[in-house]
Amino acid sequence: MPQVPEIQSLSVPTGYHSQEVALFVGMLDDQLRLLTEDTRGLTVEQLAWQPAPGMNTIGMLLAHIAIVEVFWTSWTLEGLDRDKIRYRELLGIVREDDGMPMPEGAAPPAILIGKDLAYFDGLLARARAHLREVAMKLTDTDLTRRVDKLSLTGQKRIIELRWTLYHLFEHFSGHYNQILLLEHAHKAGLHVHTHS
């Protein structure tokens, strides 16, 4: 009997003004689906495990993905000033609570210690709900719109909205890979040895 081929497809959400925006969101949703599958069963201890002082934990990375998604959605797609971004309202934590960038030799932020997988799932779900709400309103014309922003160091940046959606995808995917590496390292019992 011939084998039935596996179908590789991508679900693109409906209800968006722009099909291109919907495609970006569909790609992000699929990455979130895969990340959710790959993190099932992680314990509180695994989420807080740090290979060595100064290195990220899985929990930190999950919180960071959610915080950054809220940041770019608010700062660029909505056009809000930094001090108007509603981190606490949307996520229950603030920008600095992910502990990143991690100072050399530092321990993970205390606010994330003891948090279970449901907590981090909630952060990611709320960040994505916010992105969907904002992205649904974007048109094809909006994608080529550019906004003038200042970096934290005061450098002027001109940011295209299409690039913002691309950046959200690359940022999510890069940290997803780090999470998989940390999972593998923890299961293998690897620890980074530091010299004192």
N, C-alpha and C. Protein backbone atom coordinates (compact mmCIF):
# COMPACT_ATOMS: atom_id res chain seq x y z
N MET A 1 0.84 -1.18 0.00
CA MET A 1 0.00 0.00 0.00
C MET A 1 0.89 1.25 0.00
N PRO A 2 0.63 2.19 -0.90
CA PRO A 2 1.47 3.39 -0.95
C PRO A 2 1.28 4.26 0.28
N GLN A 3 2.38 4.88 0.70
CA GLN A 3 2.32 5.76 1.86
C GLN A 3 1.66 7.09 1.48
N VAL A 4 0.90 7.59 2.42
CA VAL A 4 0.26 8.90 2.21
C VAL A 4 1.30 9.97 2.55
N PRO A 5 1.56 10.90 1.63
CA PRO A 5 2.59 11.92 1.89
C PRO A 5 2.15 12.87 3.01
N GLU A 6 3.12 13.30 3.78
CA GLU A 6 2.85 14.29 4.80
C GLU A 6 2.68 15.65 4.12
N ILE A 7 1.65 16.37 4.51
CA ILE A 7 1.37 17.68 3.91
C ILE A 7 2.00 18.77 4.75
N GLN A 8 2.88 19.53 4.14
CA GLN A 8 3.49 20.69 4.79
C GLN A 8 2.74 21.92 4.32
N SER A 9 2.10 22.61 5.25
CA SER A 9 1.35 23.81 4.87
C SER A 9 1.40 24.82 6.00
N LEU A 10 1.03 26.04 5.69
CA LEU A 10 1.01 27.11 6.66
C LEU A 10 -0.38 27.71 6.71
N SER A 11 -0.93 27.81 7.88
CA SER A 11 -2.24 28.41 8.07
C SER A 11 -2.08 29.93 8.15
N VAL A 12 -2.77 30.64 7.25
CA VAL A 12 -2.72 32.10 7.25
C VAL A 12 -4.04 32.62 7.82
N PRO A 13 -3.96 33.42 8.88
CA PRO A 13 -5.20 33.89 9.52
C PRO A 13 -6.00 34.81 8.60
N THR A 14 -7.30 34.88 8.84
CA THR A 14 -8.19 35.74 8.07
C THR A 14 -8.57 36.96 8.91
N GLY A 15 -9.23 37.91 8.26
CA GLY A 15 -9.72 39.08 8.96
C GLY A 15 -8.75 40.25 8.97
N TYR A 16 -7.65 40.12 8.24
CA TYR A 16 -6.64 41.18 8.17
C TYR A 16 -6.88 42.06 6.95
N HIS A 17 -6.54 43.34 7.06
CA HIS A 17 -6.67 44.24 5.90
C HIS A 17 -5.60 43.94 4.86
N SER A 18 -4.48 43.39 5.29
CA SER A 18 -3.36 43.10 4.39
C SER A 18 -3.05 41.61 4.42
N GLN A 19 -3.03 40.99 3.26
CA GLN A 19 -2.67 39.58 3.17
C GLN A 19 -1.21 39.36 3.55
N GLU A 20 -0.36 40.32 3.24
CA GLU A 20 1.06 40.20 3.60
C GLU A 20 1.24 40.23 5.11
N VAL A 21 0.53 41.11 5.78
CA VAL A 21 0.58 41.14 7.25
C VAL A 21 0.07 39.83 7.81
N ALA A 22 -1.03 39.33 7.25
CA ALA A 22 -1.59 38.05 7.71
C ALA A 22 -0.57 36.93 7.56
N LEU A 23 0.20 36.95 6.48
CA LEU A 23 1.23 35.93 6.27
C LEU A 23 2.30 36.02 7.36
N PHE A 24 2.76 37.23 7.68
CA PHE A 24 3.74 37.39 8.76
C PHE A 24 3.20 36.83 10.07
N VAL A 25 1.95 37.17 10.38
CA VAL A 25 1.35 36.70 11.63
C VAL A 25 1.19 35.18 11.60
N GLY A 26 0.82 34.63 10.45
CA GLY A 26 0.72 33.18 10.32
C GLY A 26 2.05 32.49 10.56
N MET A 27 3.12 33.08 10.06
CA MET A 27 4.46 32.53 10.29
C MET A 27 4.83 32.59 11.77
N LEU A 28 4.54 33.73 12.40
CA LEU A 28 4.81 33.87 13.83
C LEU A 28 3.97 32.89 14.65
N ASP A 29 2.72 32.72 14.26
CA ASP A 29 1.84 31.78 14.97
C ASP A 29 2.36 30.35 14.86
N ASP A 30 2.89 30.00 13.69
CA ASP A 30 3.42 28.65 13.53
C ASP A 30 4.67 28.45 14.38
N GLN A 31 5.52 29.47 14.46
CA GLN A 31 6.69 29.38 15.34
C GLN A 31 6.25 29.23 16.80
N LEU A 32 5.22 29.96 17.19
CA LEU A 32 4.71 29.84 18.56
C LEU A 32 4.14 28.45 18.81
N ARG A 33 3.45 27.90 17.82
CA ARG A 33 2.91 26.54 17.95
C ARG A 33 4.04 25.54 18.16
N LEU A 34 5.09 25.65 17.36
CA LEU A 34 6.22 24.72 17.47
C LEU A 34 6.94 24.88 18.81
N LEU A 35 7.15 26.14 19.23
CA LEU A 35 7.80 26.39 20.51
C LEU A 35 6.96 25.80 21.65
N THR A 36 5.66 25.98 21.57
CA THR A 36 4.76 25.44 22.59
C THR A 36 4.89 23.92 22.66
N GLU A 37 4.91 23.27 21.51
CA GLU A 37 5.07 21.80 21.47
C GLU A 37 6.41 21.39 22.06
N ASP A 38 7.46 22.11 21.73
CA ASP A 38 8.80 21.73 22.16
C ASP A 38 9.09 22.02 23.62
N THR A 39 8.26 22.81 24.27
CA THR A 39 8.50 23.12 25.68
C THR A 39 7.54 22.39 26.62
N ARG A 40 6.65 21.55 26.07
CA ARG A 40 5.71 20.84 26.96
C ARG A 40 6.48 19.97 27.94
N GLY A 41 6.03 19.97 29.16
CA GLY A 41 6.63 19.13 30.17
C GLY A 41 7.82 19.74 30.89
N LEU A 42 8.25 20.93 30.49
CA LEU A 42 9.38 21.54 31.20
C LEU A 42 8.96 21.88 32.63
N THR A 43 9.83 21.57 33.55
CA THR A 43 9.55 21.81 34.96
C THR A 43 9.99 23.21 35.37
N VAL A 44 9.56 23.63 36.55
CA VAL A 44 9.99 24.92 37.10
C VAL A 44 11.52 24.95 37.19
N GLU A 45 12.10 23.85 37.57
CA GLU A 45 13.56 23.77 37.70
C GLU A 45 14.24 23.92 36.33
N GLN A 46 13.71 23.28 35.32
CA GLN A 46 14.29 23.39 33.98
C GLN A 46 14.16 24.82 33.43
N LEU A 47 13.03 25.46 33.69
CA LEU A 47 12.81 26.82 33.21
C LEU A 47 13.77 27.81 33.85
N ALA A 48 14.20 27.53 35.07
CA ALA A 48 15.09 28.43 35.81
C ALA A 48 16.55 28.00 35.76
N TRP A 49 16.84 26.88 35.08
CA TRP A 49 18.21 26.36 35.05
C TRP A 49 19.13 27.30 34.28
N GLN A 50 20.27 27.56 34.89
CA GLN A 50 21.28 28.45 34.32
C GLN A 50 22.57 27.65 34.14
N PRO A 51 23.04 27.46 32.91
CA PRO A 51 24.25 26.67 32.70
C PRO A 51 25.46 27.19 33.47
N ALA A 52 25.53 28.49 33.62
CA ALA A 52 26.61 29.14 34.37
C ALA A 52 26.15 30.55 34.72
N PRO A 53 26.73 31.15 35.77
CA PRO A 53 26.35 32.52 36.11
C PRO A 53 26.52 33.45 34.91
N GLY A 54 25.55 34.33 34.72
CA GLY A 54 25.61 35.27 33.61
C GLY A 54 24.99 34.77 32.32
N MET A 55 24.48 33.51 32.33
CA MET A 55 23.86 32.96 31.12
C MET A 55 22.34 32.93 31.28
N ASN A 56 21.66 33.03 30.14
CA ASN A 56 20.20 33.07 30.15
C ASN A 56 19.60 31.72 30.54
N THR A 57 18.39 31.78 31.09
CA THR A 57 17.59 30.59 31.35
C THR A 57 16.50 30.51 30.29
N ILE A 58 15.85 29.35 30.21
CA ILE A 58 14.72 29.21 29.28
C ILE A 58 13.61 30.18 29.67
N GLY A 59 13.34 30.30 30.97
CA GLY A 59 12.31 31.23 31.42
C GLY A 59 12.60 32.66 31.03
N MET A 60 13.85 33.07 31.17
CA MET A 60 14.24 34.42 30.77
C MET A 60 13.99 34.64 29.28
N LEU A 61 14.34 33.66 28.47
CA LEU A 61 14.17 33.79 27.02
C LEU A 61 12.69 33.84 26.64
N LEU A 62 11.86 33.04 27.30
CA LEU A 62 10.42 33.08 27.02
C LEU A 62 9.84 34.44 27.38
N ALA A 63 10.22 34.96 28.54
CA ALA A 63 9.75 36.28 28.96
C ALA A 63 10.26 37.36 27.98
N HIS A 64 11.51 37.22 27.57
CA HIS A 64 12.11 38.19 26.65
C HIS A 64 11.37 38.21 25.31
N ILE A 65 11.03 37.05 24.78
CA ILE A 65 10.28 36.99 23.52
C ILE A 65 8.98 37.77 23.65
N ALA A 66 8.25 37.57 24.75
CA ALA A 66 6.97 38.25 24.96
C ALA A 66 7.17 39.76 25.10
N ILE A 67 8.16 40.16 25.89
CA ILE A 67 8.42 41.58 26.12
C ILE A 67 8.80 42.28 24.82
N VAL A 68 9.66 41.66 24.04
CA VAL A 68 10.11 42.27 22.79
C VAL A 68 8.97 42.35 21.78
N GLU A 69 8.09 41.35 21.78
CA GLU A 69 6.94 41.40 20.87
C GLU A 69 6.03 42.58 21.23
N VAL A 70 5.81 42.79 22.52
CA VAL A 70 5.02 43.94 22.96
C VAL A 70 5.75 45.24 22.61
N PHE A 71 7.07 45.26 22.80
CA PHE A 71 7.83 46.48 22.50
C PHE A 71 7.68 46.89 21.05
N TRP A 72 8.01 46.01 20.10
CA TRP A 72 8.00 46.38 18.70
C TRP A 72 6.58 46.64 18.19
N THR A 73 5.63 45.86 18.67
CA THR A 73 4.23 46.10 18.28
C THR A 73 3.80 47.49 18.70
N SER A 74 4.16 47.87 19.92
CA SER A 74 3.75 49.17 20.46
C SER A 74 4.57 50.32 19.89
N TRP A 75 5.88 50.15 19.88
CA TRP A 75 6.80 51.25 19.54
C TRP A 75 6.74 51.62 18.07
N THR A 76 6.66 50.60 17.21
CA THR A 76 6.70 50.86 15.77
C THR A 76 5.34 50.73 15.11
N LEU A 77 4.68 49.59 15.29
CA LEU A 77 3.41 49.37 14.59
C LEU A 77 2.33 50.32 15.10
N GLU A 78 2.29 50.56 16.42
CA GLU A 78 1.34 51.53 16.97
C GLU A 78 1.90 52.94 17.01
N GLY A 79 3.22 53.08 16.99
CA GLY A 79 3.85 54.39 17.01
C GLY A 79 3.89 55.06 18.37
N LEU A 80 3.89 54.26 19.44
CA LEU A 80 3.91 54.82 20.79
C LEU A 80 5.32 55.21 21.22
N ASP A 81 5.42 56.17 22.10
CA ASP A 81 6.69 56.48 22.75
C ASP A 81 7.03 55.36 23.73
N ARG A 82 8.31 55.21 24.03
CA ARG A 82 8.75 54.14 24.94
C ARG A 82 8.01 54.18 26.28
N ASP A 83 7.81 55.38 26.81
CA ASP A 83 7.20 55.47 28.14
C ASP A 83 5.68 55.24 28.12
N LYS A 84 5.12 55.03 26.94
CA LYS A 84 3.68 54.76 26.83
C LYS A 84 3.38 53.28 26.60
N ILE A 85 4.43 52.47 26.49
CA ILE A 85 4.22 51.04 26.23
C ILE A 85 3.67 50.38 27.49
N ARG A 86 2.60 49.62 27.34
CA ARG A 86 1.83 49.09 28.47
C ARG A 86 2.29 47.67 28.86
N TYR A 87 3.56 47.51 29.17
CA TYR A 87 4.08 46.18 29.54
C TYR A 87 3.30 45.59 30.71
N ARG A 88 3.19 46.36 31.79
CA ARG A 88 2.56 45.82 33.00
C ARG A 88 1.09 45.48 32.75
N GLU A 89 0.40 46.34 32.00
CA GLU A 89 -1.01 46.08 31.71
C GLU A 89 -1.18 44.84 30.84
N LEU A 90 -0.31 44.68 29.84
CA LEU A 90 -0.44 43.58 28.89
C LEU A 90 0.16 42.27 29.41
N LEU A 91 1.28 42.36 30.14
CA LEU A 91 2.01 41.16 30.54
C LEU A 91 2.08 40.93 32.04
N GLY A 92 1.91 41.99 32.82
CA GLY A 92 2.06 41.85 34.27
C GLY A 92 3.50 42.01 34.74
N ILE A 93 4.41 42.26 33.81
CA ILE A 93 5.81 42.51 34.13
C ILE A 93 6.26 43.72 33.32
N VAL A 94 7.44 44.24 33.62
CA VAL A 94 7.96 45.39 32.88
C VAL A 94 9.17 44.98 32.05
N ARG A 95 9.64 45.91 31.25
CA ARG A 95 10.71 45.65 30.28
C ARG A 95 11.95 45.01 30.90
N GLU A 96 12.34 45.46 32.08
CA GLU A 96 13.59 44.99 32.70
C GLU A 96 13.45 43.63 33.38
N ASP A 97 12.24 43.10 33.49
CA ASP A 97 12.02 41.88 34.26
C ASP A 97 12.54 40.61 33.60
N ASP A 98 12.95 40.68 32.32
CA ASP A 98 13.52 39.49 31.70
C ASP A 98 15.00 39.31 32.06
N GLY A 99 15.60 40.35 32.68
CA GLY A 99 17.00 40.24 33.09
C GLY A 99 18.00 40.35 31.96
N MET A 100 17.55 40.76 30.78
CA MET A 100 18.43 40.83 29.63
C MET A 100 18.65 42.28 29.20
N PRO A 101 19.89 42.61 28.80
CA PRO A 101 21.05 41.72 28.73
C PRO A 101 21.54 41.36 30.14
N MET A 102 21.99 40.14 30.27
CA MET A 102 22.41 39.60 31.56
C MET A 102 23.82 40.09 31.91
N PRO A 103 23.98 40.72 33.06
CA PRO A 103 25.34 41.13 33.47
C PRO A 103 26.24 39.91 33.68
N GLU A 104 27.51 40.09 33.46
CA GLU A 104 28.47 38.99 33.62
C GLU A 104 28.40 38.44 35.04
N GLY A 105 28.25 37.14 35.15
CA GLY A 105 28.24 36.47 36.44
C GLY A 105 26.95 36.60 37.22
N ALA A 106 25.90 37.14 36.61
CA ALA A 106 24.65 37.40 37.34
C ALA A 106 23.76 36.16 37.42
N ALA A 107 22.89 36.17 38.42
CA ALA A 107 21.85 35.15 38.57
C ALA A 107 20.61 35.61 37.82
N PRO A 108 19.70 34.70 37.49
CA PRO A 108 18.46 35.09 36.81
C PRO A 108 17.64 36.05 37.68
N PRO A 109 16.79 36.87 37.06
CA PRO A 109 15.98 37.80 37.84
C PRO A 109 15.03 37.06 38.79
N ALA A 110 14.96 37.55 40.02
CA ALA A 110 14.17 36.88 41.05
C ALA A 110 12.69 36.77 40.67
N ILE A 111 12.18 37.75 39.91
CA ILE A 111 10.76 37.76 39.58
C ILE A 111 10.34 36.55 38.74
N LEU A 112 11.30 35.93 38.04
CA LEU A 112 10.98 34.78 37.19
C LEU A 112 11.23 33.44 37.87
N ILE A 113 11.93 33.45 38.99
CA ILE A 113 12.24 32.20 39.68
C ILE A 113 10.96 31.62 40.27
N GLY A 114 10.78 30.32 40.08
CA GLY A 114 9.61 29.63 40.62
C GLY A 114 8.38 29.69 39.72
N LYS A 115 8.49 30.36 38.59
CA LYS A 115 7.36 30.45 37.66
C LYS A 115 7.29 29.18 36.82
N ASP A 116 6.06 28.69 36.62
CA ASP A 116 5.88 27.45 35.86
C ASP A 116 5.61 27.73 34.39
N LEU A 117 5.47 26.66 33.63
CA LEU A 117 5.30 26.79 32.18
C LEU A 117 4.03 27.54 31.83
N ALA A 118 2.96 27.35 32.60
CA ALA A 118 1.70 28.06 32.34
C ALA A 118 1.90 29.57 32.42
N TYR A 119 2.74 30.00 33.33
CA TYR A 119 3.02 31.44 33.47
C TYR A 119 3.65 31.98 32.18
N PHE A 120 4.66 31.28 31.66
CA PHE A 120 5.33 31.75 30.45
C PHE A 120 4.45 31.60 29.22
N ASP A 121 3.64 30.52 29.18
CA ASP A 121 2.65 30.39 28.10
C ASP A 121 1.73 31.61 28.08
N GLY A 122 1.32 32.06 29.25
CA GLY A 122 0.44 33.20 29.36
C GLY A 122 1.08 34.48 28.84
N LEU A 123 2.37 34.67 29.17
CA LEU A 123 3.07 35.85 28.65
C LEU A 123 3.08 35.86 27.12
N LEU A 124 3.43 34.72 26.54
CA LEU A 124 3.51 34.63 25.08
C LEU A 124 2.14 34.81 24.44
N ALA A 125 1.11 34.24 25.04
CA ALA A 125 -0.25 34.35 24.49
C ALA A 125 -0.75 35.80 24.53
N ARG A 126 -0.48 36.50 25.63
CA ARG A 126 -0.95 37.88 25.74
C ARG A 126 -0.18 38.80 24.79
N ALA A 127 1.12 38.56 24.64
CA ALA A 127 1.90 39.36 23.68
C ALA A 127 1.39 39.14 22.26
N ARG A 128 1.08 37.89 21.93
CA ARG A 128 0.60 37.58 20.57
C ARG A 128 -0.80 38.15 20.35
N ALA A 129 -1.65 38.12 21.34
CA ALA A 129 -2.99 38.70 21.20
C ALA A 129 -2.88 40.20 20.90
N HIS A 130 -1.94 40.86 21.56
CA HIS A 130 -1.72 42.29 21.32
C HIS A 130 -1.23 42.53 19.90
N LEU A 131 -0.28 41.73 19.44
CA LEU A 131 0.21 41.86 18.07
C LEU A 131 -0.92 41.66 17.07
N ARG A 132 -1.73 40.62 17.26
CA ARG A 132 -2.82 40.36 16.32
C ARG A 132 -3.78 41.54 16.26
N GLU A 133 -4.13 42.09 17.41
CA GLU A 133 -5.07 43.20 17.47
C GLU A 133 -4.55 44.41 16.68
N VAL A 134 -3.27 44.70 16.84
CA VAL A 134 -2.67 45.84 16.13
C VAL A 134 -2.48 45.51 14.66
N ALA A 135 -1.97 44.33 14.35
CA ALA A 135 -1.64 43.96 12.97
C ALA A 135 -2.87 43.86 12.08
N MET A 136 -4.00 43.46 12.63
CA MET A 136 -5.23 43.33 11.83
C MET A 136 -5.61 44.63 11.14
N LYS A 137 -5.25 45.74 11.76
CA LYS A 137 -5.64 47.06 11.24
C LYS A 137 -4.69 47.58 10.16
N LEU A 138 -3.52 46.96 10.02
CA LEU A 138 -2.52 47.45 9.06
C LEU A 138 -2.93 47.15 7.63
N THR A 139 -2.64 48.08 6.74
CA THR A 139 -2.92 47.89 5.32
C THR A 139 -1.61 47.65 4.57
N ASP A 140 -1.71 47.30 3.31
CA ASP A 140 -0.50 47.13 2.49
C ASP A 140 0.30 48.43 2.43
N THR A 141 -0.39 49.55 2.37
CA THR A 141 0.28 50.85 2.34
C THR A 141 1.06 51.09 3.63
N ASP A 142 0.50 50.66 4.76
CA ASP A 142 1.19 50.82 6.05
C ASP A 142 2.54 50.13 6.07
N LEU A 143 2.68 49.04 5.35
CA LEU A 143 3.91 48.25 5.40
C LEU A 143 5.14 49.03 4.95
N THR A 144 4.95 49.96 4.03
CA THR A 144 6.09 50.74 3.55
C THR A 144 6.26 52.05 4.31
N ARG A 145 5.37 52.30 5.28
CA ARG A 145 5.50 53.51 6.10
C ARG A 145 6.73 53.38 6.98
N ARG A 146 7.42 54.52 7.16
CA ARG A 146 8.62 54.55 8.00
C ARG A 146 8.39 55.51 9.15
N VAL A 147 8.89 55.12 10.32
CA VAL A 147 8.74 55.97 11.49
C VAL A 147 10.13 56.35 12.00
N ASP A 148 10.24 57.57 12.46
CA ASP A 148 11.49 58.06 13.04
C ASP A 148 11.49 57.77 14.53
N LYS A 149 12.52 57.09 14.99
CA LYS A 149 12.61 56.73 16.41
C LYS A 149 14.03 57.00 16.90
N LEU A 150 14.16 57.20 18.19
CA LEU A 150 15.48 57.33 18.80
C LEU A 150 15.79 56.07 19.57
N SER A 151 17.00 55.54 19.41
CA SER A 151 17.44 54.39 20.18
C SER A 151 17.70 54.82 21.62
N LEU A 152 17.96 53.88 22.49
CA LEU A 152 18.25 54.20 23.89
C LEU A 152 19.51 55.05 24.03
N THR A 153 20.40 54.96 23.05
CA THR A 153 21.63 55.76 23.09
C THR A 153 21.45 57.12 22.40
N GLY A 154 20.22 57.40 21.94
CA GLY A 154 19.94 58.68 21.30
C GLY A 154 20.19 58.73 19.81
N GLN A 155 20.53 57.57 19.22
CA GLN A 155 20.78 57.53 17.78
C GLN A 155 19.45 57.48 17.03
N LYS A 156 19.35 58.27 15.95
CA LYS A 156 18.12 58.30 15.15
C LYS A 156 18.01 57.01 14.34
N ARG A 157 16.82 56.45 14.33
CA ARG A 157 16.55 55.25 13.54
C ARG A 157 15.32 55.51 12.69
N ILE A 158 15.35 55.06 11.45
CA ILE A 158 14.19 55.13 10.57
C ILE A 158 13.76 53.69 10.33
N ILE A 159 12.57 53.35 10.80
CA ILE A 159 12.15 51.95 10.83
C ILE A 159 10.91 51.76 9.97
N GLU A 160 10.99 50.85 9.02
CA GLU A 160 9.87 50.50 8.16
C GLU A 160 8.98 49.49 8.89
N LEU A 161 7.68 49.61 8.74
CA LEU A 161 6.76 48.70 9.43
C LEU A 161 6.91 47.26 8.93
N ARG A 162 7.16 47.07 7.63
CA ARG A 162 7.38 45.71 7.12
C ARG A 162 8.60 45.08 7.79
N TRP A 163 9.67 45.88 7.94
CA TRP A 163 10.88 45.37 8.61
C TRP A 163 10.56 44.98 10.04
N THR A 164 9.70 45.72 10.72
CA THR A 164 9.33 45.39 12.09
C THR A 164 8.73 43.99 12.17
N LEU A 165 7.81 43.67 11.26
CA LEU A 165 7.21 42.33 11.25
C LEU A 165 8.27 41.26 10.96
N TYR A 166 9.16 41.55 10.02
CA TYR A 166 10.27 40.63 9.73
C TYR A 166 11.14 40.45 10.97
N HIS A 167 11.46 41.55 11.65
CA HIS A 167 12.32 41.48 12.83
C HIS A 167 11.66 40.67 13.94
N LEU A 168 10.37 40.82 14.13
CA LEU A 168 9.67 40.01 15.13
C LEU A 168 9.84 38.52 14.83
N PHE A 169 9.79 38.17 13.54
CA PHE A 169 9.95 36.76 13.15
C PHE A 169 11.38 36.28 13.40
N GLU A 170 12.37 37.06 12.99
CA GLU A 170 13.76 36.62 13.17
C GLU A 170 14.12 36.58 14.65
N HIS A 171 13.61 37.53 15.43
CA HIS A 171 13.90 37.58 16.86
C HIS A 171 13.31 36.35 17.55
N PHE A 172 12.06 36.05 17.25
CA PHE A 172 11.41 34.89 17.84
C PHE A 172 12.18 33.61 17.49
N SER A 173 12.50 33.45 16.22
CA SER A 173 13.17 32.23 15.75
C SER A 173 14.55 32.06 16.37
N GLY A 174 15.30 33.15 16.50
CA GLY A 174 16.63 33.07 17.08
C GLY A 174 16.59 32.61 18.53
N HIS A 175 15.69 33.17 19.31
CA HIS A 175 15.59 32.78 20.72
C HIS A 175 14.96 31.40 20.89
N TYR A 176 14.09 31.03 19.98
CA TYR A 176 13.52 29.68 19.98
C TYR A 176 14.67 28.67 19.87
N ASN A 177 15.61 28.94 18.99
CA ASN A 177 16.77 28.06 18.84
C ASN A 177 17.59 27.99 20.13
N GLN A 178 17.78 29.12 20.80
CA GLN A 178 18.50 29.12 22.08
C GLN A 178 17.78 28.25 23.11
N ILE A 179 16.47 28.34 23.13
CA ILE A 179 15.68 27.54 24.08
C ILE A 179 15.88 26.06 23.82
N LEU A 180 15.87 25.65 22.55
CA LEU A 180 16.10 24.25 22.22
C LEU A 180 17.49 23.79 22.66
N LEU A 181 18.48 24.66 22.47
CA LEU A 181 19.85 24.32 22.89
C LEU A 181 19.93 24.17 24.40
N LEU A 182 19.27 25.06 25.15
CA LEU A 182 19.27 24.95 26.61
C LEU A 182 18.55 23.69 27.07
N GLU A 183 17.46 23.35 26.43
CA GLU A 183 16.76 22.10 26.76
C GLU A 183 17.69 20.91 26.57
N HIS A 184 18.37 20.89 25.44
CA HIS A 184 19.28 19.79 25.12
C HIS A 184 20.43 19.73 26.13
N ALA A 185 21.01 20.89 26.44
CA ALA A 185 22.12 20.94 27.39
C ALA A 185 21.69 20.46 28.77
N HIS A 186 20.50 20.85 29.21
CA HIS A 186 20.01 20.43 30.52
C HIS A 186 19.80 18.91 30.56
N LYS A 187 19.18 18.38 29.52
CA LYS A 187 18.93 16.94 29.46
C LYS A 187 20.24 16.15 29.42
N ALA A 188 21.26 16.72 28.77
CA ALA A 188 22.56 16.05 28.67
C ALA A 188 23.40 16.24 29.92
N GLY A 189 22.91 17.05 30.86
CA GLY A 189 23.65 17.29 32.09
C GLY A 189 24.86 18.16 31.92
N LEU A 190 24.84 18.99 30.88
CA LEU A 190 25.99 19.86 30.63
C LEU A 190 25.97 21.08 31.52
N HIS A 191 27.12 21.48 31.98
CA HIS A 191 27.28 22.71 32.74
C HIS A 191 28.55 23.38 32.26
N VAL A 192 28.50 24.67 32.14
CA VAL A 192 29.68 25.43 31.73
C VAL A 192 30.55 25.66 32.96
N HIS A 193 31.81 25.28 32.87
CA HIS A 193 32.72 25.49 33.98
C HIS A 193 33.36 26.87 33.88
N THR A 194 33.33 27.61 34.95
CA THR A 194 33.92 28.94 34.96
C THR A 194 35.14 28.93 35.86
N HIS A 195 36.10 29.75 35.52
CA HIS A 195 37.32 29.87 36.32
C HIS A 195 37.15 31.02 37.31
N SER A 196 37.52 30.79 38.55
CA SER A 196 37.41 31.87 39.55
C SER A 196 38.75 32.54 39.74
